[in-house]
Amino acid sequence: MKINVFKRRKNRRFNYTPRYYDGKDIGNPYDLDSKFAKYRETTNSGDLSSQWKEAREASRNRGNREVNTRLIIIIIILVLITLYIFDFDLSIFTTRR
């Protein structure tokens, strides 16, 4: 048996949908659209990878800049609280007179 130390195992992707599962959006059956249009953007609600991909694409806009700054401020506050708990000398952040 060959042992790979530095090679990472590749994850397998299974896009399995049970036969009698109503997870896909069918839409309006009386819609007079082309018969291929309903298969263009239908995603399986159980397929987490496509939902994750859509969420990542939706978050790549300039509207999340406030969230990013808020997250950075929260992380800085948590780091300072952690340093205070471990009795780190916080006087290096102040100016000397």
PDB file of N, CA and C in Angstrom:
ATOM      1  N   MET A   1       0.844  -1.176   0.000  1.00  0.00           N
ATOM      2  CA  MET A   1       0.000   0.000   0.000  1.00  0.00           C
ATOM      3  C   MET A   1       0.885   1.233   0.000  1.00  0.00           C
ATOM      4  N   LYS A   2       0.616   2.124  -0.914  1.00  0.00           N
ATOM      5  CA  LYS A   2       1.425   3.322  -1.062  1.00  0.00           C
ATOM      6  C   LYS A   2       0.892   4.420  -0.146  1.00  0.00           C
ATOM      7  N   ILE A   3       1.784   5.050   0.596  1.00  0.00           N
ATOM      8  CA  ILE A   3       1.383   6.117   1.518  1.00  0.00           C
ATOM      9  C   ILE A   3       1.845   7.449   0.940  1.00  0.00           C
ATOM     10  N   ASN A   4       0.896   8.338   0.733  1.00  0.00           N
ATOM     11  CA  ASN A   4       1.210   9.674   0.243  1.00  0.00           C
ATOM     12  C   ASN A   4       1.217  10.635   1.416  1.00  0.00           C
ATOM     13  N   VAL A   5       2.381  11.169   1.730  1.00  0.00           N
ATOM     14  CA  VAL A   5       2.498  12.051   2.883  1.00  0.00           C
ATOM     15  C   VAL A   5       2.115  13.475   2.513  1.00  0.00           C
ATOM     16  N   PHE A   6       2.613  13.950   1.374  1.00  0.00           N
ATOM     17  CA  PHE A   6       2.407  15.348   1.019  1.00  0.00           C
ATOM     18  C   PHE A   6       1.251  15.557   0.047  1.00  0.00           C
ATOM     19  N   LYS A   7       0.671  14.504  -0.439  1.00  0.00           N
ATOM     20  CA  LYS A   7      -0.433  14.630  -1.385  1.00  0.00           C
ATOM     21  C   LYS A   7      -1.753  14.572  -0.629  1.00  0.00           C
ATOM     22  N   ARG A   8      -2.603  15.560  -0.868  1.00  0.00           N
ATOM     23  CA  ARG A   8      -3.890  15.595  -0.186  1.00  0.00           C
ATOM     24  C   ARG A   8      -4.921  14.796  -0.964  1.00  0.00           C
ATOM     25  N   ARG A   9      -5.821  14.200  -0.234  1.00  0.00           N
ATOM     26  CA  ARG A   9      -6.865  13.400  -0.848  1.00  0.00           C
ATOM     27  C   ARG A   9      -7.880  14.306  -1.523  1.00  0.00           C
ATOM     28  N   LYS A  10      -8.310  13.950  -2.702  1.00  0.00           N
ATOM     29  CA  LYS A  10      -9.283  14.744  -3.435  1.00  0.00           C
ATOM     30  C   LYS A  10     -10.689  14.352  -2.996  1.00  0.00           C
ATOM     31  N   ASN A  11     -11.481  15.355  -2.677  1.00  0.00           N
ATOM     32  CA  ASN A  11     -12.845  15.087  -2.238  1.00  0.00           C
ATOM     33  C   ASN A  11     -13.713  14.700  -3.428  1.00  0.00           C
ATOM     34  N   ARG A  12     -14.606  13.772  -3.191  1.00  0.00           N
ATOM     35  CA  ARG A  12     -15.550  13.366  -4.223  1.00  0.00           C
ATOM     36  C   ARG A  12     -16.819  14.177  -4.073  1.00  0.00           C
ATOM     37  N   ARG A  13     -17.427  14.491  -5.197  1.00  0.00           N
ATOM     38  CA  ARG A  13     -18.655  15.276  -5.168  1.00  0.00           C
ATOM     39  C   ARG A  13     -19.784  14.403  -5.689  1.00  0.00           C
ATOM     40  N   PHE A  14     -20.780  14.239  -4.852  1.00  0.00           N
ATOM     41  CA  PHE A  14     -21.948  13.469  -5.230  1.00  0.00           C
ATOM     42  C   PHE A  14     -23.138  14.413  -5.298  1.00  0.00           C
ATOM     43  N   ASN A  15     -23.735  14.510  -6.453  1.00  0.00           N
ATOM     44  CA  ASN A  15     -24.912  15.347  -6.633  1.00  0.00           C
ATOM     45  C   ASN A  15     -26.113  14.410  -6.759  1.00  0.00           C
ATOM     46  N   TYR A  16     -26.471  13.789  -5.669  1.00  0.00           N
ATOM     47  CA  TYR A  16     -27.515  12.782  -5.660  1.00  0.00           C
ATOM     48  C   TYR A  16     -28.833  13.415  -5.252  1.00  0.00           C
ATOM     49  N   THR A  17     -29.860  13.147  -6.023  1.00  0.00           N
ATOM     50  CA  THR A  17     -31.207  13.578  -5.685  1.00  0.00           C
ATOM     51  C   THR A  17     -32.106  12.348  -5.708  1.00  0.00           C
ATOM     52  N   PRO A  18     -32.807  12.065  -4.617  1.00  0.00           N
ATOM     53  CA  PRO A  18     -33.692  10.900  -4.610  1.00  0.00           C
ATOM     54  C   PRO A  18     -34.796  11.026  -5.661  1.00  0.00           C
ATOM     55  N   ARG A  19     -35.357   9.899  -6.034  1.00  0.00           N
ATOM     56  CA  ARG A  19     -36.337   9.891  -7.115  1.00  0.00           C
ATOM     57  C   ARG A  19     -37.614  10.641  -6.756  1.00  0.00           C
ATOM     58  N   TYR A  20     -38.116  10.479  -5.561  1.00  0.00           N
ATOM     59  CA  TYR A  20     -39.384  11.097  -5.178  1.00  0.00           C
ATOM     60  C   TYR A  20     -39.153  12.280  -4.251  1.00  0.00           C
ATOM     61  N   TYR A  21     -38.236  13.144  -4.610  1.00  0.00           N
ATOM     62  CA  TYR A  21     -37.894  14.307  -3.787  1.00  0.00           C
ATOM     63  C   TYR A  21     -38.350  15.556  -4.513  1.00  0.00           C
ATOM     64  N   ASP A  22     -39.115  16.404  -3.820  1.00  0.00           N
ATOM     65  CA  ASP A  22     -39.637  17.617  -4.435  1.00  0.00           C
ATOM     66  C   ASP A  22     -38.778  18.825  -4.081  1.00  0.00           C
ATOM     67  N   GLY A  23     -37.506  18.735  -4.281  1.00  0.00           N
ATOM     68  CA  GLY A  23     -36.611  19.822  -3.925  1.00  0.00           C
ATOM     69  C   GLY A  23     -36.406  20.826  -5.040  1.00  0.00           C
ATOM     70  N   LYS A  24     -36.672  20.458  -6.275  1.00  0.00           N
ATOM     71  CA  LYS A  24     -36.454  21.364  -7.397  1.00  0.00           C
ATOM     72  C   LYS A  24     -37.691  22.219  -7.621  1.00  0.00           C
ATOM     73  N   ASP A  25     -37.433  23.472  -7.954  1.00  0.00           N
ATOM     74  CA  ASP A  25     -38.536  24.390  -8.234  1.00  0.00           C
ATOM     75  C   ASP A  25     -39.034  24.146  -9.655  1.00  0.00           C
ATOM     76  N   ILE A  26     -40.315  23.867  -9.773  1.00  0.00           N
ATOM     77  CA  ILE A  26     -40.898  23.595 -11.086  1.00  0.00           C
ATOM     78  C   ILE A  26     -41.397  24.883 -11.723  1.00  0.00           C
ATOM     79  N   GLY A  27     -41.951  25.764 -10.923  1.00  0.00           N
ATOM     80  CA  GLY A  27     -42.479  27.006 -11.458  1.00  0.00           C
ATOM     81  C   GLY A  27     -43.935  26.844 -11.860  1.00  0.00           C
ATOM     82  N   ASN A  28     -44.409  27.718 -12.711  1.00  0.00           N
ATOM     83  CA  ASN A  28     -45.785  27.696 -13.181  1.00  0.00           C
ATOM     84  C   ASN A  28     -45.903  26.694 -14.334  1.00  0.00           C
ATOM     85  N   PRO A  29     -46.710  25.633 -14.194  1.00  0.00           N
ATOM     86  CA  PRO A  29     -46.814  24.660 -15.298  1.00  0.00           C
ATOM     87  C   PRO A  29     -47.571  25.214 -16.500  1.00  0.00           C
ATOM     88  N   TYR A  30     -48.333  26.298 -16.332  1.00  0.00           N
ATOM     89  CA  TYR A  30     -49.106  26.871 -17.424  1.00  0.00           C
ATOM     90  C   TYR A  30     -48.374  28.017 -18.106  1.00  0.00           C
ATOM     91  N   ASP A  31     -47.108  28.202 -17.782  1.00  0.00           N
ATOM     92  CA  ASP A  31     -46.323  29.263 -18.390  1.00  0.00           C
ATOM     93  C   ASP A  31     -45.994  28.879 -19.828  1.00  0.00           C
ATOM     94  N   LEU A  32     -46.154  29.817 -20.752  1.00  0.00           N
ATOM     95  CA  LEU A  32     -45.926  29.543 -22.167  1.00  0.00           C
ATOM     96  C   LEU A  32     -44.502  29.912 -22.563  1.00  0.00           C
ATOM     97  N   ASP A  33     -43.543  29.437 -21.815  1.00  0.00           N
ATOM     98  CA  ASP A  33     -42.145  29.697 -22.111  1.00  0.00           C
ATOM     99  C   ASP A  33     -41.589  28.504 -22.886  1.00  0.00           C
ATOM    100  N   SER A  34     -40.377  28.633 -23.382  1.00  0.00           N
ATOM    101  CA  SER A  34     -39.802  27.511 -24.117  1.00  0.00           C
ATOM    102  C   SER A  34     -39.544  26.339 -23.167  1.00  0.00           C
ATOM    103  N   LYS A  35     -39.489  25.155 -23.733  1.00  0.00           N
ATOM    104  CA  LYS A  35     -39.351  23.979 -22.882  1.00  0.00           C
ATOM    105  C   LYS A  35     -37.949  23.841 -22.297  1.00  0.00           C
ATOM    106  N   PHE A  36     -36.971  24.587 -22.799  1.00  0.00           N
ATOM    107  CA  PHE A  36     -35.619  24.532 -22.248  1.00  0.00           C
ATOM    108  C   PHE A  36     -35.349  25.653 -21.255  1.00  0.00           C
ATOM    109  N   ALA A  37     -36.186  26.662 -21.213  1.00  0.00           N
ATOM    110  CA  ALA A  37     -35.936  27.812 -20.337  1.00  0.00           C
ATOM    111  C   ALA A  37     -36.058  27.441 -18.864  1.00  0.00           C
ATOM    112  N   LYS A  38     -36.895  26.465 -18.543  1.00  0.00           N
ATOM    113  CA  LYS A  38     -37.067  26.123 -17.132  1.00  0.00           C
ATOM    114  C   LYS A  38     -35.871  25.362 -16.574  1.00  0.00           C
ATOM    115  N   TYR A  39     -35.003  24.841 -17.434  1.00  0.00           N
ATOM    116  CA  TYR A  39     -33.828  24.112 -16.958  1.00  0.00           C
ATOM    117  C   TYR A  39     -32.573  24.976 -16.901  1.00  0.00           C
ATOM    118  N   ARG A  40     -32.674  26.239 -17.249  1.00  0.00           N
ATOM    119  CA  ARG A  40     -31.486  27.089 -17.273  1.00  0.00           C
ATOM    120  C   ARG A  40     -30.974  27.410 -15.883  1.00  0.00           C
ATOM    121  N   GLU A  41     -31.834  27.896 -15.018  1.00  0.00           N
ATOM    122  CA  GLU A  41     -31.397  28.377 -13.710  1.00  0.00           C
ATOM    123  C   GLU A  41     -31.997  27.592 -12.551  1.00  0.00           C
ATOM    124  N   THR A  42     -32.515  26.417 -12.802  1.00  0.00           N
ATOM    125  CA  THR A  42     -33.062  25.638 -11.698  1.00  0.00           C
ATOM    126  C   THR A  42     -31.926  24.975 -10.950  1.00  0.00           C
ATOM    127  N   THR A  43     -31.933  25.148  -9.643  1.00  0.00           N
ATOM    128  CA  THR A  43     -30.916  24.506  -8.816  1.00  0.00           C
ATOM    129  C   THR A  43     -31.611  23.604  -7.816  1.00  0.00           C
ATOM    130  N   ASN A  44     -30.966  22.556  -7.488  1.00  0.00           N
ATOM    131  CA  ASN A  44     -31.474  21.625  -6.502  1.00  0.00           C
ATOM    132  C   ASN A  44     -31.324  22.258  -5.125  1.00  0.00           C
ATOM    133  N   SER A  45     -32.385  22.291  -4.341  1.00  0.00           N
ATOM    134  CA  SER A  45     -32.303  22.925  -3.028  1.00  0.00           C
ATOM    135  C   SER A  45     -31.439  22.117  -2.069  1.00  0.00           C
ATOM    136  N   GLY A  46     -31.167  20.869  -2.375  1.00  0.00           N
ATOM    137  CA  GLY A  46     -30.300  20.054  -1.531  1.00  0.00           C
ATOM    138  C   GLY A  46     -28.834  20.130  -1.928  1.00  0.00           C
ATOM    139  N   ASP A  47     -28.534  20.786  -3.057  1.00  0.00           N
ATOM    140  CA  ASP A  47     -27.158  20.888  -3.535  1.00  0.00           C
ATOM    141  C   ASP A  47     -26.487  22.080  -2.869  1.00  0.00           C
ATOM    142  N   LEU A  48     -25.703  21.807  -1.836  1.00  0.00           N
ATOM    143  CA  LEU A  48     -25.098  22.888  -1.060  1.00  0.00           C
ATOM    144  C   LEU A  48     -23.978  23.585  -1.807  1.00  0.00           C
ATOM    145  N   SER A  49     -23.312  22.898  -2.711  1.00  0.00           N
ATOM    146  CA  SER A  49     -22.199  23.539  -3.411  1.00  0.00           C
ATOM    147  C   SER A  49     -22.689  24.634  -4.343  1.00  0.00           C
ATOM    148  N   SER A  50     -23.815  24.419  -5.026  1.00  0.00           N
ATOM    149  CA  SER A  50     -24.327  25.477  -5.899  1.00  0.00           C
ATOM    150  C   SER A  50     -24.896  26.626  -5.076  1.00  0.00           C
ATOM    151  N   GLN A  51     -25.507  26.328  -3.937  1.00  0.00           N
ATOM    152  CA  GLN A  51     -25.995  27.406  -3.077  1.00  0.00           C
ATOM    153  C   GLN A  51     -24.835  28.210  -2.521  1.00  0.00           C
ATOM    154  N   TRP A  52     -23.746  27.540  -2.157  1.00  0.00           N
ATOM    155  CA  TRP A  52     -22.566  28.238  -1.645  1.00  0.00           C
ATOM    156  C   TRP A  52     -21.952  29.105  -2.743  1.00  0.00           C
ATOM    157  N   LYS A  53     -21.928  28.603  -3.980  1.00  0.00           N
ATOM    158  CA  LYS A  53     -21.379  29.361  -5.098  1.00  0.00           C
ATOM    159  C   LYS A  53     -22.213  30.615  -5.357  1.00  0.00           C
ATOM    160  N   GLU A  54     -23.540  30.490  -5.316  1.00  0.00           N
ATOM    161  CA  GLU A  54     -24.406  31.649  -5.517  1.00  0.00           C
ATOM    162  C   GLU A  54     -24.259  32.658  -4.388  1.00  0.00           C
ATOM    163  N   ALA A  55     -24.098  32.181  -3.162  1.00  0.00           N
ATOM    164  CA  ALA A  55     -23.920  33.096  -2.030  1.00  0.00           C
ATOM    165  C   ALA A  55     -22.593  33.832  -2.134  1.00  0.00           C
ATOM    166  N   ARG A  56     -21.547  33.148  -2.585  1.00  0.00           N
ATOM    167  CA  ARG A  56     -20.251  33.811  -2.760  1.00  0.00           C
ATOM    168  C   ARG A  56     -20.315  34.860  -3.857  1.00  0.00           C
ATOM    169  N   GLU A  57     -21.001  34.554  -4.953  1.00  0.00           N
ATOM    170  CA  GLU A  57     -21.125  35.524  -6.036  1.00  0.00           C
ATOM    171  C   GLU A  57     -21.971  36.716  -5.613  1.00  0.00           C
ATOM    172  N   ALA A  58     -22.969  36.484  -4.762  1.00  0.00           N
ATOM    173  CA  ALA A  58     -23.807  37.587  -4.293  1.00  0.00           C
ATOM    174  C   ALA A  58     -23.064  38.473  -3.310  1.00  0.00           C
ATOM    175  N   SER A  59     -22.089  37.921  -2.596  1.00  0.00           N
ATOM    176  CA  SER A  59     -21.368  38.720  -1.604  1.00  0.00           C
ATOM    177  C   SER A  59     -20.208  39.494  -2.205  1.00  0.00           C
ATOM    178  N   ARG A  60     -19.949  39.336  -3.472  1.00  0.00           N
ATOM    179  CA  ARG A  60     -18.824  40.026  -4.104  1.00  0.00           C
ATOM    180  C   ARG A  60     -19.254  41.375  -4.675  1.00  0.00           C
ATOM    181  N   ASN A  61     -19.884  42.166  -3.870  1.00  0.00           N
ATOM    182  CA  ASN A  61     -20.251  43.496  -4.320  1.00  0.00           C
ATOM    183  C   ASN A  61     -19.761  44.519  -3.312  1.00  0.00           C
ATOM    184  N   ARG A  62     -19.866  45.770  -3.658  1.00  0.00           N
ATOM    185  CA  ARG A  62     -19.363  46.840  -2.802  1.00  0.00           C
ATOM    186  C   ARG A  62     -20.268  47.099  -1.607  1.00  0.00           C
ATOM    187  N   GLY A  63     -21.434  46.513  -1.551  1.00  0.00           N
ATOM    188  CA  GLY A  63     -22.350  46.735  -0.442  1.00  0.00           C
ATOM    189  C   GLY A  63     -21.901  46.098   0.855  1.00  0.00           C
ATOM    190  N   ASN A  64     -20.962  45.180   0.794  1.00  0.00           N
ATOM    191  CA  ASN A  64     -20.501  44.495   1.997  1.00  0.00           C
ATOM    192  C   ASN A  64     -19.303  45.167   2.639  1.00  0.00           C
ATOM    193  N   ARG A  65     -18.948  46.356   2.199  1.00  0.00           N
ATOM    194  CA  ARG A  65     -17.795  47.038   2.768  1.00  0.00           C
ATOM    195  C   ARG A  65     -18.031  47.399   4.229  1.00  0.00           C
ATOM    196  N   GLU A  66     -19.271  47.773   4.583  1.00  0.00           N
ATOM    197  CA  GLU A  66     -19.577  48.100   5.977  1.00  0.00           C
ATOM    198  C   GLU A  66     -19.461  46.862   6.860  1.00  0.00           C
ATOM    199  N   VAL A  67     -19.846  45.727   6.329  1.00  0.00           N
ATOM    200  CA  VAL A  67     -19.749  44.482   7.089  1.00  0.00           C
ATOM    201  C   VAL A  67     -18.283  44.144   7.334  1.00  0.00           C
ATOM    202  N   ASN A  68     -17.439  44.360   6.338  1.00  0.00           N
ATOM    203  CA  ASN A  68     -16.020  44.054   6.490  1.00  0.00           C
ATOM    204  C   ASN A  68     -15.372  44.947   7.536  1.00  0.00           C
ATOM    205  N   THR A  69     -15.682  46.237   7.532  1.00  0.00           N
ATOM    206  CA  THR A  69     -15.086  47.129   8.536  1.00  0.00           C
ATOM    207  C   THR A  69     -15.608  46.788   9.926  1.00  0.00           C
ATOM    208  N   ARG A  70     -16.870  46.453  10.033  1.00  0.00           N
ATOM    209  CA  ARG A  70     -17.433  46.059  11.325  1.00  0.00           C
ATOM    210  C   ARG A  70     -16.759  44.787  11.837  1.00  0.00           C
ATOM    211  N   LEU A  71     -16.510  43.849  10.948  1.00  0.00           N
ATOM    212  CA  LEU A  71     -15.844  42.607  11.334  1.00  0.00           C
ATOM    213  C   LEU A  71     -14.413  42.875  11.801  1.00  0.00           C
ATOM    214  N   ILE A  72     -13.710  43.758  11.134  1.00  0.00           N
ATOM    215  CA  ILE A  72     -12.343  44.099  11.541  1.00  0.00           C
ATOM    216  C   ILE A  72     -12.339  44.767  12.904  1.00  0.00           C
ATOM    217  N   ILE A  73     -13.291  45.658  13.157  1.00  0.00           N
ATOM    218  CA  ILE A  73     -13.379  46.325  14.460  1.00  0.00           C
ATOM    219  C   ILE A  73     -13.666  45.307  15.562  1.00  0.00           C
ATOM    220  N   ILE A  74     -14.564  44.366  15.304  1.00  0.00           N
ATOM    221  CA  ILE A  74     -14.889  43.339  16.303  1.00  0.00           C
ATOM    222  C   ILE A  74     -13.669  42.469  16.589  1.00  0.00           C
ATOM    223  N   ILE A  75     -12.919  42.115  15.553  1.00  0.00           N
ATOM    224  CA  ILE A  75     -11.719  41.293  15.750  1.00  0.00           C
ATOM    225  C   ILE A  75     -10.673  42.047  16.557  1.00  0.00           C
ATOM    226  N   ILE A  76     -10.490  43.335  16.290  1.00  0.00           N
ATOM    227  CA  ILE A  76      -9.523  44.136  17.046  1.00  0.00           C
ATOM    228  C   ILE A  76      -9.926  44.217  18.511  1.00  0.00           C
ATOM    229  N   ILE A  77     -11.208  44.425  18.766  1.00  0.00           N
ATOM    230  CA  ILE A  77     -11.684  44.500  20.154  1.00  0.00           C
ATOM    231  C   ILE A  77     -11.466  43.167  20.869  1.00  0.00           C
ATOM    232  N   LEU A  78     -11.753  42.063  20.200  1.00  0.00           N
ATOM    233  CA  LEU A  78     -11.546  40.748  20.817  1.00  0.00           C
ATOM    234  C   LEU A  78     -10.068  40.466  21.086  1.00  0.00           C
ATOM    235  N   VAL A  79      -9.194  40.905  20.185  1.00  0.00           N
ATOM    236  CA  VAL A  79      -7.757  40.723  20.413  1.00  0.00           C
ATOM    237  C   VAL A  79      -7.302  41.541  21.609  1.00  0.00           C
ATOM    238  N   LEU A  80      -7.776  42.780  21.721  1.00  0.00           N
ATOM    239  CA  LEU A  80      -7.395  43.617  22.860  1.00  0.00           C
ATOM    240  C   LEU A  80      -7.918  43.043  24.179  1.00  0.00           C
ATOM    241  N   ILE A  81      -9.128  42.508  24.166  1.00  0.00           N
ATOM    242  CA  ILE A  81      -9.668  41.884  25.382  1.00  0.00           C
ATOM    243  C   ILE A  81      -8.835  40.653  25.757  1.00  0.00           C
ATOM    244  N   THR A  82      -8.441  39.870  24.756  1.00  0.00           N
ATOM    245  CA  THR A  82      -7.607  38.695  25.020  1.00  0.00           C
ATOM    246  C   THR A  82      -6.249  39.100  25.588  1.00  0.00           C
ATOM    247  N   LEU A  83      -5.657  40.148  25.030  1.00  0.00           N
ATOM    248  CA  LEU A  83      -4.375  40.625  25.554  1.00  0.00           C
ATOM    249  C   LEU A  83      -4.525  41.140  26.980  1.00  0.00           C
ATOM    250  N   TYR A  84      -5.642  41.776  27.275  1.00  0.00           N
ATOM    251  CA  TYR A  84      -5.874  42.274  28.633  1.00  0.00           C
ATOM    252  C   TYR A  84      -6.046  41.112  29.622  1.00  0.00           C
ATOM    253  N   ILE A  85      -6.730  40.068  29.191  1.00  0.00           N
ATOM    254  CA  ILE A  85      -6.937  38.911  30.070  1.00  0.00           C
ATOM    255  C   ILE A  85      -5.603  38.225  30.368  1.00  0.00           C
ATOM    256  N   PHE A  86      -4.726  38.145  29.381  1.00  0.00           N
ATOM    257  CA  PHE A  86      -3.422  37.516  29.588  1.00  0.00           C
ATOM    258  C   PHE A  86      -2.399  38.466  30.197  1.00  0.00           C
ATOM    259  N   ASP A  87      -2.824  39.604  30.684  1.00  0.00           N
ATOM    260  CA  ASP A  87      -1.986  40.617  31.330  1.00  0.00           C
ATOM    261  C   ASP A  87      -0.847  41.085  30.435  1.00  0.00           C
ATOM    262  N   PHE A  88      -1.167  41.318  29.199  1.00  0.00           N
ATOM    263  CA  PHE A  88      -0.194  41.886  28.280  1.00  0.00           C
ATOM    264  C   PHE A  88      -0.064  43.368  28.579  1.00  0.00           C
ATOM    265  N   ASP A  89       1.139  43.890  28.494  1.00  0.00           N
ATOM    266  CA  ASP A  89       1.371  45.295  28.803  1.00  0.00           C
ATOM    267  C   ASP A  89       0.838  46.144  27.649  1.00  0.00           C
ATOM    268  N   LEU A  90      -0.308  46.787  27.862  1.00  0.00           N
ATOM    269  CA  LEU A  90      -0.940  47.589  26.823  1.00  0.00           C
ATOM    270  C   LEU A  90      -0.341  48.980  26.721  1.00  0.00           C
ATOM    271  N   SER A  91       0.672  49.290  27.511  1.00  0.00           N
ATOM    272  CA  SER A  91       1.256  50.626  27.470  1.00  0.00           C
ATOM    273  C   SER A  91       2.083  50.855  26.211  1.00  0.00           C
ATOM    274  N   ILE A  92       2.362  49.833  25.439  1.00  0.00           N
ATOM    275  CA  ILE A  92       3.114  50.046  24.204  1.00  0.00           C
ATOM    276  C   ILE A  92       2.250  50.738  23.148  1.00  0.00           C
ATOM    277  N   PHE A  93       0.932  50.714  23.339  1.00  0.00           N
ATOM    278  CA  PHE A  93       0.045  51.367  22.386  1.00  0.00           C
ATOM    279  C   PHE A  93      -0.175  52.840  22.706  1.00  0.00           C
ATOM    280  N   THR A  94       0.271  53.301  23.854  1.00  0.00           N
ATOM    281  CA  THR A  94       0.084  54.703  24.235  1.00  0.00           C
ATOM    282  C   THR A  94       1.373  55.468  23.999  1.00  0.00           C
ATOM    283  N   THR A  95       1.243  56.787  23.862  1.00  0.00           N
ATOM    284  CA  THR A  95       2.424  57.624  23.640  1.00  0.00           C
ATOM    285  C   THR A  95       3.043  57.996  24.975  1.00  0.00           C
ATOM    286  N   ARG A  96       4.356  58.087  24.985  1.00  0.00           N
ATOM    287  CA  ARG A  96       5.065  58.467  26.204  1.00  0.00           C
ATOM    288  C   ARG A  96       5.212  59.975  26.247  1.00  0.00           C
ATOM    289  N   ARG A  97       5.178  60.529  27.441  1.00  0.00           N
ATOM    290  CA  ARG A  97       5.312  61.984  27.580  1.00  0.00           C
ATOM    291  C   ARG A  97       6.652  62.363  28.108  1.00  0.00           C
TER     292      ARG A  97
END
